[in-house]
Amino acid sequence: MANNQYKNKVMYGGNVLIDLTSDTVDAAHLASGYTAHSASGAPVTGSLSFVTYYTSSSTPTSGQGSNGDIWLVTS
């Protein structure tokens, strides 16, 4: 049996209380800054970032949005 420093299943009195063995979370699919645990029980810190899309009939002012956002000017 492989040596796993993390725990991925908790049993009490013959009953499974927590079972992470079929979890599919990974850093690329978890929002940046959030933490979870992989199927092995190892901690995972998210790296997924989001871009916000804005639509408007005018161009944005310097105080709108943040770096990496997309602004679509519609007519």
PDB file of N, CA and C in Angstrom:
ATOM      1  N   MET A   1       0.842  -1.174   0.000  1.00  0.00           N
ATOM      2  CA  MET A   1       0.000   0.000   0.000  1.00  0.00           C
ATOM      3  C   MET A   1       0.893   1.246   0.000  1.00  0.00           C
ATOM      4  N   ALA A   2       0.525   2.243  -0.805  1.00  0.00           N
ATOM      5  CA  ALA A   2       1.307   3.475  -0.906  1.00  0.00           C
ATOM      6  C   ALA A   2       1.227   4.260   0.403  1.00  0.00           C
ATOM      7  N   ASN A   3       2.322   4.921   0.750  1.00  0.00           N
ATOM      8  CA  ASN A   3       2.372   5.742   1.954  1.00  0.00           C
ATOM      9  C   ASN A   3       1.807   7.121   1.620  1.00  0.00           C
ATOM     10  N   ASN A   4       0.685   7.470   2.193  1.00  0.00           N
ATOM     11  CA  ASN A   4       0.024   8.748   1.953  1.00  0.00           C
ATOM     12  C   ASN A   4       0.062   9.546   3.249  1.00  0.00           C
ATOM     13  N   GLN A   5       0.775  10.686   3.229  1.00  0.00           N
ATOM     14  CA  GLN A   5       0.872  11.501   4.446  1.00  0.00           C
ATOM     15  C   GLN A   5      -0.442  12.216   4.756  1.00  0.00           C
ATOM     16  N   TYR A   6      -1.365  12.242   3.793  1.00  0.00           N
ATOM     17  CA  TYR A   6      -2.658  12.884   3.985  1.00  0.00           C
ATOM     18  C   TYR A   6      -3.731  11.824   4.204  1.00  0.00           C
ATOM     19  N   LYS A   7      -4.806  12.220   4.798  1.00  0.00           N
ATOM     20  CA  LYS A   7      -5.936  11.309   5.026  1.00  0.00           C
ATOM     21  C   LYS A   7      -7.061  11.685   4.064  1.00  0.00           C
ATOM     22  N   ASN A   8      -7.617  10.691   3.377  1.00  0.00           N
ATOM     23  CA  ASN A   8      -8.684  10.962   2.430  1.00  0.00           C
ATOM     24  C   ASN A   8      -9.981  10.221   2.755  1.00  0.00           C
ATOM     25  N   LYS A   9      -9.988   9.512   3.877  1.00  0.00           N
ATOM     26  CA  LYS A   9     -11.204   8.814   4.285  1.00  0.00           C
ATOM     27  C   LYS A   9     -11.237   8.759   5.805  1.00  0.00           C
ATOM     28  N   VAL A  10     -12.393   9.087   6.378  1.00  0.00           N
ATOM     29  CA  VAL A  10     -12.567   9.028   7.827  1.00  0.00           C
ATOM     30  C   VAL A  10     -13.700   8.048   8.108  1.00  0.00           C
ATOM     31  N   MET A  11     -13.378   7.046   8.939  1.00  0.00           N
ATOM     32  CA  MET A  11     -14.376   6.042   9.312  1.00  0.00           C
ATOM     33  C   MET A  11     -14.534   6.045  10.828  1.00  0.00           C
ATOM     34  N   TYR A  12     -15.749   5.774  11.275  1.00  0.00           N
ATOM     35  CA  TYR A  12     -16.026   5.682  12.707  1.00  0.00           C
ATOM     36  C   TYR A  12     -17.075   4.598  12.898  1.00  0.00           C
ATOM     37  N   GLY A  13     -16.756   3.637  13.736  1.00  0.00           N
ATOM     38  CA  GLY A  13     -17.698   2.561  14.019  1.00  0.00           C
ATOM     39  C   GLY A  13     -18.107   1.788  12.773  1.00  0.00           C
ATOM     40  N   GLY A  14     -17.199   1.654  11.822  1.00  0.00           N
ATOM     41  CA  GLY A  14     -17.507   0.929  10.595  1.00  0.00           C
ATOM     42  C   GLY A  14     -18.261   1.741   9.556  1.00  0.00           C
ATOM     43  N   ASN A  15     -18.559   2.996   9.873  1.00  0.00           N
ATOM     44  CA  ASN A  15     -19.264   3.875   8.929  1.00  0.00           C
ATOM     45  C   ASN A  15     -18.302   4.894   8.342  1.00  0.00           C
ATOM     46  N   VAL A  16     -18.414   5.128   7.045  1.00  0.00           N
ATOM     47  CA  VAL A  16     -17.599   6.155   6.390  1.00  0.00           C
ATOM     48  C   VAL A  16     -18.247   7.508   6.663  1.00  0.00           C
ATOM     49  N   LEU A  17     -17.494   8.404   7.311  1.00  0.00           N
ATOM     50  CA  LEU A  17     -18.003   9.741   7.609  1.00  0.00           C
ATOM     51  C   LEU A  17     -17.601  10.744   6.531  1.00  0.00           C
ATOM     52  N   ILE A  18     -16.363  10.625   6.049  1.00  0.00           N
ATOM     53  CA  ILE A  18     -15.836  11.507   5.003  1.00  0.00           C
ATOM     54  C   ILE A  18     -15.048  10.649   4.035  1.00  0.00           C
ATOM     55  N   ASP A  19     -15.284  10.844   2.741  1.00  0.00           N
ATOM     56  CA  ASP A  19     -14.559  10.091   1.721  1.00  0.00           C
ATOM     57  C   ASP A  19     -14.224  11.011   0.553  1.00  0.00           C
ATOM     58  N   LEU A  20     -12.947  11.345   0.395  1.00  0.00           N
ATOM     59  CA  LEU A  20     -12.493  12.235  -0.668  1.00  0.00           C
ATOM     60  C   LEU A  20     -11.970  11.480  -1.888  1.00  0.00           C
ATOM     61  N   THR A  21     -11.978  10.160  -1.854  1.00  0.00           N
ATOM     62  CA  THR A  21     -11.283   9.370  -2.869  1.00  0.00           C
ATOM     63  C   THR A  21     -11.800   9.568  -4.290  1.00  0.00           C
ATOM     64  N   SER A  22     -13.018  10.037  -4.470  1.00  0.00           N
ATOM     65  CA  SER A  22     -13.518  10.261  -5.828  1.00  0.00           C
ATOM     66  C   SER A  22     -13.616  11.743  -6.180  1.00  0.00           C
ATOM     67  N   ASP A  23     -13.095  12.621  -5.323  1.00  0.00           N
ATOM     68  CA  ASP A  23     -13.116  14.055  -5.607  1.00  0.00           C
ATOM     69  C   ASP A  23     -12.208  14.378  -6.792  1.00  0.00           C
ATOM     70  N   THR A  24     -12.572  15.381  -7.568  1.00  0.00           N
ATOM     71  CA  THR A  24     -11.818  15.725  -8.776  1.00  0.00           C
ATOM     72  C   THR A  24     -11.251  17.135  -8.763  1.00  0.00           C
ATOM     73  N   VAL A  25     -11.247  17.794  -7.629  1.00  0.00           N
ATOM     74  CA  VAL A  25     -10.749  19.174  -7.565  1.00  0.00           C
ATOM     75  C   VAL A  25      -9.245  19.220  -7.844  1.00  0.00           C
ATOM     76  N   ASP A  26      -8.838  20.267  -8.576  1.00  0.00           N
ATOM     77  CA  ASP A  26      -7.413  20.561  -8.758  1.00  0.00           C
ATOM     78  C   ASP A  26      -7.252  22.072  -8.812  1.00  0.00           C
ATOM     79  N   ALA A  27      -6.019  22.546  -8.679  1.00  0.00           N
ATOM     80  CA  ALA A  27      -5.758  23.979  -8.576  1.00  0.00           C
ATOM     81  C   ALA A  27      -6.281  24.756  -9.784  1.00  0.00           C
ATOM     82  N   ALA A  28      -6.183  24.178 -10.966  1.00  0.00           N
ATOM     83  CA  ALA A  28      -6.587  24.870 -12.192  1.00  0.00           C
ATOM     84  C   ALA A  28      -8.095  25.066 -12.298  1.00  0.00           C
ATOM     85  N   HIS A  29      -8.885  24.310 -11.532  1.00  0.00           N
ATOM     86  CA  HIS A  29     -10.338  24.401 -11.609  1.00  0.00           C
ATOM     87  C   HIS A  29     -10.973  24.948 -10.336  1.00  0.00           C
ATOM     88  N   LEU A  30     -10.151  25.441  -9.426  1.00  0.00           N
ATOM     89  CA  LEU A  30     -10.617  26.017  -8.169  1.00  0.00           C
ATOM     90  C   LEU A  30     -10.249  27.496  -8.166  1.00  0.00           C
ATOM     91  N   ALA A  31     -11.186  28.355  -7.817  1.00  0.00           N
ATOM     92  CA  ALA A  31     -10.951  29.803  -7.840  1.00  0.00           C
ATOM     93  C   ALA A  31      -9.727  30.185  -7.021  1.00  0.00           C
ATOM     94  N   SER A  32      -8.976  31.116  -7.551  1.00  0.00           N
ATOM     95  CA  SER A  32      -7.745  31.581  -6.919  1.00  0.00           C
ATOM     96  C   SER A  32      -7.985  32.009  -5.479  1.00  0.00           C
ATOM     97  N   GLY A  33      -7.143  31.520  -4.582  1.00  0.00           N
ATOM     98  CA  GLY A  33      -7.226  31.887  -3.181  1.00  0.00           C
ATOM     99  C   GLY A  33      -8.085  30.956  -2.332  1.00  0.00           C
ATOM    100  N   TYR A  34      -8.889  30.112  -2.950  1.00  0.00           N
ATOM    101  CA  TYR A  34      -9.718  29.170  -2.204  1.00  0.00           C
ATOM    102  C   TYR A  34      -8.948  27.869  -1.993  1.00  0.00           C
ATOM    103  N   THR A  35      -9.254  27.177  -0.919  1.00  0.00           N
ATOM    104  CA  THR A  35      -8.572  25.919  -0.640  1.00  0.00           C
ATOM    105  C   THR A  35      -9.582  24.778  -0.518  1.00  0.00           C
ATOM    106  N   ALA A  36      -9.115  23.604  -0.892  1.00  0.00           N
ATOM    107  CA  ALA A  36      -9.914  22.378  -0.808  1.00  0.00           C
ATOM    108  C   ALA A  36      -8.931  21.235  -0.630  1.00  0.00           C
ATOM    109  N   HIS A  37      -9.391  20.013  -0.806  1.00  0.00           N
ATOM    110  CA  HIS A  37      -8.521  18.844  -0.694  1.00  0.00           C
ATOM    111  C   HIS A  37      -8.745  17.929  -1.886  1.00  0.00           C
ATOM    112  N   SER A  38      -7.659  17.400  -2.414  1.00  0.00           N
ATOM    113  CA  SER A  38      -7.733  16.487  -3.548  1.00  0.00           C
ATOM    114  C   SER A  38      -8.195  15.111  -3.085  1.00  0.00           C
ATOM    115  N   ALA A  39      -8.356  14.193  -4.031  1.00  0.00           N
ATOM    116  CA  ALA A  39      -8.785  12.835  -3.707  1.00  0.00           C
ATOM    117  C   ALA A  39      -7.802  12.134  -2.777  1.00  0.00           C
ATOM    118  N   SER A  40      -6.540  12.554  -2.806  1.00  0.00           N
ATOM    119  CA  SER A  40      -5.539  11.949  -1.922  1.00  0.00           C
ATOM    120  C   SER A  40      -5.598  12.518  -0.511  1.00  0.00           C
ATOM    121  N   GLY A  41      -6.329  13.634  -0.352  1.00  0.00           N
ATOM    122  CA  GLY A  41      -6.389  14.320   0.932  1.00  0.00           C
ATOM    123  C   GLY A  41      -5.425  15.490   1.020  1.00  0.00           C
ATOM    124  N   ALA A  42      -4.595  15.664  -0.013  1.00  0.00           N
ATOM    125  CA  ALA A  42      -3.625  16.763  -0.026  1.00  0.00           C
ATOM    126  C   ALA A  42      -4.338  18.095  -0.210  1.00  0.00           C
ATOM    127  N   PRO A  43      -3.870  19.141   0.477  1.00  0.00           N
ATOM    128  CA  PRO A  43      -4.487  20.452   0.290  1.00  0.00           C
ATOM    129  C   PRO A  43      -4.237  20.982  -1.116  1.00  0.00           C
ATOM    130  N   VAL A  44      -5.227  21.676  -1.670  1.00  0.00           N
ATOM    131  CA  VAL A  44      -5.143  22.285  -2.993  1.00  0.00           C
ATOM    132  C   VAL A  44      -5.514  23.749  -2.840  1.00  0.00           C
ATOM    133  N   THR A  45      -4.697  24.649  -3.360  1.00  0.00           N
ATOM    134  CA  THR A  45      -5.016  26.071  -3.376  1.00  0.00           C
ATOM    135  C   THR A  45      -5.307  26.462  -4.816  1.00  0.00           C
ATOM    136  N   GLY A  46      -6.454  27.051  -5.037  1.00  0.00           N
ATOM    137  CA  GLY A  46      -6.899  27.381  -6.382  1.00  0.00           C
ATOM    138  C   GLY A  46      -6.022  28.392  -7.091  1.00  0.00           C
ATOM    139  N   SER A  47      -5.955  28.261  -8.417  1.00  0.00           N
ATOM    140  CA  SER A  47      -5.203  29.192  -9.244  1.00  0.00           C
ATOM    141  C   SER A  47      -6.042  29.741 -10.389  1.00  0.00           C
ATOM    142  N   LEU A  48      -7.317  29.378 -10.446  1.00  0.00           N
ATOM    143  CA  LEU A  48      -8.199  29.810 -11.522  1.00  0.00           C
ATOM    144  C   LEU A  48      -8.584  31.268 -11.323  1.00  0.00           C
ATOM    145  N   SER A  49      -8.355  32.087 -12.349  1.00  0.00           N
ATOM    146  CA  SER A  49      -8.768  33.483 -12.262  1.00  0.00           C
ATOM    147  C   SER A  49      -9.828  33.753 -13.322  1.00  0.00           C
ATOM    148  N   PHE A  50     -10.608  34.757 -13.091  1.00  0.00           N
ATOM    149  CA  PHE A  50     -11.714  35.087 -13.965  1.00  0.00           C
ATOM    150  C   PHE A  50     -11.497  36.448 -14.599  1.00  0.00           C
ATOM    151  N   VAL A  51     -12.015  36.619 -15.790  1.00  0.00           N
ATOM    152  CA  VAL A  51     -12.004  37.903 -16.475  1.00  0.00           C
ATOM    153  C   VAL A  51     -13.441  38.377 -16.543  1.00  0.00           C
ATOM    154  N   THR A  52     -13.644  39.656 -16.277  1.00  0.00           N
ATOM    155  CA  THR A  52     -14.983  40.224 -16.361  1.00  0.00           C
ATOM    156  C   THR A  52     -15.157  40.891 -17.710  1.00  0.00           C
ATOM    157  N   TYR A  53     -16.267  40.605 -18.372  1.00  0.00           N
ATOM    158  CA  TYR A  53     -16.599  41.229 -19.643  1.00  0.00           C
ATOM    159  C   TYR A  53     -17.663  42.288 -19.396  1.00  0.00           C
ATOM    160  N   TYR A  54     -17.401  43.495 -19.863  1.00  0.00           N
ATOM    161  CA  TYR A  54     -18.361  44.578 -19.737  1.00  0.00           C
ATOM    162  C   TYR A  54     -18.848  44.958 -21.124  1.00  0.00           C
ATOM    163  N   THR A  55     -20.091  45.373 -21.233  1.00  0.00           N
ATOM    164  CA  THR A  55     -20.602  45.936 -22.479  1.00  0.00           C
ATOM    165  C   THR A  55     -21.248  47.270 -22.162  1.00  0.00           C
ATOM    166  N   SER A  56     -21.032  48.223 -23.045  1.00  0.00           N
ATOM    167  CA  SER A  56     -21.575  49.558 -22.849  1.00  0.00           C
ATOM    168  C   SER A  56     -21.589  50.269 -24.192  1.00  0.00           C
ATOM    169  N   SER A  57     -22.358  51.325 -24.289  1.00  0.00           N
ATOM    170  CA  SER A  57     -22.373  52.124 -25.513  1.00  0.00           C
ATOM    171  C   SER A  57     -21.309  53.216 -25.473  1.00  0.00           C
ATOM    172  N   SER A  58     -20.561  53.293 -24.370  1.00  0.00           N
ATOM    173  CA  SER A  58     -19.489  54.292 -24.269  1.00  0.00           C
ATOM    174  C   SER A  58     -18.215  53.636 -23.756  1.00  0.00           C
ATOM    175  N   THR A  59     -17.101  54.293 -23.940  1.00  0.00           N
ATOM    176  CA  THR A  59     -15.830  53.761 -23.462  1.00  0.00           C
ATOM    177  C   THR A  59     -15.736  53.924 -21.949  1.00  0.00           C
ATOM    178  N   PRO A  60     -14.992  53.052 -21.284  1.00  0.00           N
ATOM    179  CA  PRO A  60     -14.904  53.126 -19.820  1.00  0.00           C
ATOM    180  C   PRO A  60     -14.060  54.310 -19.354  1.00  0.00           C
ATOM    181  N   THR A  61     -14.335  54.768 -18.155  1.00  0.00           N
ATOM    182  CA  THR A  61     -13.483  55.779 -17.542  1.00  0.00           C
ATOM    183  C   THR A  61     -12.327  55.062 -16.844  1.00  0.00           C
ATOM    184  N   SER A  62     -11.327  55.794 -16.428  1.00  0.00           N
ATOM    185  CA  SER A  62     -10.140  55.183 -15.822  1.00  0.00           C
ATOM    186  C   SER A  62     -10.440  54.440 -14.529  1.00  0.00           C
ATOM    187  N   GLY A  63     -11.542  54.740 -13.860  1.00  0.00           N
ATOM    188  CA  GLY A  63     -11.866  54.086 -12.597  1.00  0.00           C
ATOM    189  C   GLY A  63     -12.741  52.847 -12.733  1.00  0.00           C
ATOM    190  N   GLN A  64     -13.071  52.460 -13.955  1.00  0.00           N
ATOM    191  CA  GLN A  64     -13.967  51.318 -14.151  1.00  0.00           C
ATOM    192  C   GLN A  64     -13.187  50.057 -14.484  1.00  0.00           C
ATOM    193  N   GLY A  65     -13.641  48.943 -13.970  1.00  0.00           N
ATOM    194  CA  GLY A  65     -13.005  47.662 -14.256  1.00  0.00           C
ATOM    195  C   GLY A  65     -11.653  47.529 -13.577  1.00  0.00           C
ATOM    196  N   SER A  66     -10.956  46.438 -13.893  1.00  0.00           N
ATOM    197  CA  SER A  66      -9.610  46.230 -13.362  1.00  0.00           C
ATOM    198  C   SER A  66      -8.753  45.597 -14.444  1.00  0.00           C
ATOM    199  N   ASN A  67      -7.459  45.570 -14.226  1.00  0.00           N
ATOM    200  CA  ASN A  67      -6.515  45.058 -15.210  1.00  0.00           C
ATOM    201  C   ASN A  67      -6.896  43.644 -15.633  1.00  0.00           C
ATOM    202  N   GLY A  68      -6.985  43.411 -16.938  1.00  0.00           N
ATOM    203  CA  GLY A  68      -7.353  42.099 -17.455  1.00  0.00           C
ATOM    204  C   GLY A  68      -8.809  41.993 -17.854  1.00  0.00           C
ATOM    205  N   ASP A  69      -9.640  42.941 -17.420  1.00  0.00           N
ATOM    206  CA  ASP A  69     -11.051  42.930 -17.813  1.00  0.00           C
ATOM    207  C   ASP A  69     -11.190  43.311 -19.284  1.00  0.00           C
ATOM    208  N   ILE A  70     -12.278  42.913 -19.877  1.00  0.00           N
ATOM    209  CA  ILE A  70     -12.552  43.222 -21.278  1.00  0.00           C
ATOM    210  C   ILE A  70     -13.783  44.109 -21.354  1.00  0.00           C
ATOM    211  N   TRP A  71     -13.677  45.195 -22.107  1.00  0.00           N
ATOM    212  CA  TRP A  71     -14.771  46.146 -22.249  1.00  0.00           C
ATOM    213  C   TRP A  71     -15.164  46.161 -23.714  1.00  0.00           C
ATOM    214  N   LEU A  72     -16.413  45.811 -24.008  1.00  0.00           N
ATOM    215  CA  LEU A  72     -16.921  45.809 -25.376  1.00  0.00           C
ATOM    216  C   LEU A  72     -17.835  47.006 -25.552  1.00  0.00           C
ATOM    217  N   VAL A  73     -17.479  47.877 -26.498  1.00  0.00           N
ATOM    218  CA  VAL A  73     -18.309  49.045 -26.773  1.00  0.00           C
ATOM    219  C   VAL A  73     -19.297  48.652 -27.866  1.00  0.00           C
ATOM    220  N   THR A  74     -20.569  48.779 -27.542  1.00  0.00           N
ATOM    221  CA  THR A  74     -21.631  48.444 -28.505  1.00  0.00           C
ATOM    222  C   THR A  74     -22.213  49.703 -29.074  1.00  0.00           C
ATOM    223  N   SER A  75     -22.751  49.609 -30.251  1.00  0.00           N
ATOM    224  CA  SER A  75     -23.340  50.813 -30.854  1.00  0.00           C
ATOM    225  C   SER A  75     -24.841  50.820 -30.734  1.00  0.00           C
TER     226      SER A  75
END
